[in-house]
Amino acid sequence: MSHLRIPAISLLLISLLLGACVSTEAPAATTQAPAATAAATAEQVTVVKIGSPLPLTGSLAATGVASRDAELFAADIINGDYPDLNLPLAAGEGLPNLGGAKLEIVFGDHQMDPEKGASETERLITEEHIVAVVGAYASAVSATSSQVTERYGIPFVNGQSTSTALHTRGFKWYFRTTPHDGMFSEAIFKFLQDMRDTKGADITTVATIFENTQYGSGSSRSQNDLAAQYGFEVVANIPYPSGTADMTAEVQSLKAANPDVVLPSSYVADAILMVRTFEQLDFQPQAIVAQGVGFTEASFLETVGAQGDYILSREVFAADLAEKKPIIKTVSDMFQERYGHKMEGATARSFTAVLVLADAINRAGSTDPEAIRQALLATDIPGDQLIMPWPGVKFDPATGQNIAGSGIVVQAQEGQYHTVWPFDLATRDVVWPFPAWGDR
């Protein structure tokens, strides 16, 4: 739908005459976005635009493109008619409380640059006139992008970024569907505790190795905070530059510390390099338990092959849970047939964030950002309407964090990740300890 450009003083009169209204003046840094000045009714809207800054080029382009596919897939389900899918807004076409308006996603490319993420988010608000934001994958970029949405008064539903710092800033417009690294780290330590207490694993020491941006540094801090609580000693914390070309020194330091379990927090290129360096230097801990992200992207196992087998990771999504939740297989098969690659943790989280945001826009019955924010605060989506193994989506009104999110632990076996914890959800028994590199 084309937007009419009108001065703010004539807004009411023209909207009554023409049945459509949008402010055109680019907002000052302390004002709300254009869409906020005119709440559209069902009779006035045919398209609702949301924005998504993602890494569509650069080192994580494959991740960004996969996330874009997942967001477009969610929009297709909303805009089409899929009555057999028990997902929000799947039955019927478009947003019913906005007269069947279709959801459109406008993308920006932040190239993993936080400053670029901020400028792309501002462009989406001021030039594309989006009413809300999803994205932006990397925590460091979500931090700057959400500063922009906070300044303009635009809701940001963050589906992928997991830094614990993001939801503790007192922001009014920030919401996050995924569990954060504090929640994920607790899942990891509960898993280690269960391995020790119920499986007899002899685990006393752990070490963290992490990329040095907001995601990795925050993950390591969370793990250090929880280690003592669960009775584990941290023998090393080893940062490395994100996107490094050599990890020899870092892995040698890990080997010297000799932890029972290594806890990496890495994006995919770093994860690939790390595992190859582990094998080259014959570093053999009892287990590698990753903080997801790079270790669970589809390209990781495709690239490292047998080197990736037996690595463990926290996760939010696993295709094998379809044995207990059939909608996972239905949606995953549809996604793979359409886009040619599997749905995994990052894409499943992108998909879910768009559905949650669209559900709030529909319940708001308006494109006014404040109305959407209030609807997000009232969100209460049950777990049976999600592809995630969560009890649901319900936001803490003080922080915007989904308090119903939870993590699982998966292990790569025969080139695929399988759920191994919680034990009552497991589809495979965990292989422990980590087999020697020469035995695979």
Foldseek 3Di string as FASTA:
>chain_A
DDADEDDLVCFVVVCVVPVEGWYQDQDDLQEAFGQQSDWHFLSRAQEAEEEEEEACDADCNVLRVLQVLLLVLLQCQQQDADPVALAFNNHDGAQVLSNRHGYHYDYHHQNPPLVSLLVRLSCCRNPVVHQAYEDYQEPSNCQNSVVSCQSNLHAYEYQHYAQPVQLPPQGQRYAYFAHHLLQLLVQVLVVVLCCCPPVVDDAAEEEEEEAPDRRGVRNRVSNVVCQVVSRHHYQYYHYDHAPDPDCLVVVVVVLVSQHQEYEYEHAQVVVLRVLVNCQVVQRFHFAYEYADHNLWDLVNLVPNPPSQAQHKYKAFAFLVLCVVQVSSVVSQVVSCVVPVDGDGRSSLSSNVSSSLQSSLCSVLSISNRVSSSVSLQVDWAAPSNGNTPWRTFHADSRRNYGPGGHIFMWGHDNSGTFTQPPVVSGPDHRDTGDDGPVVD
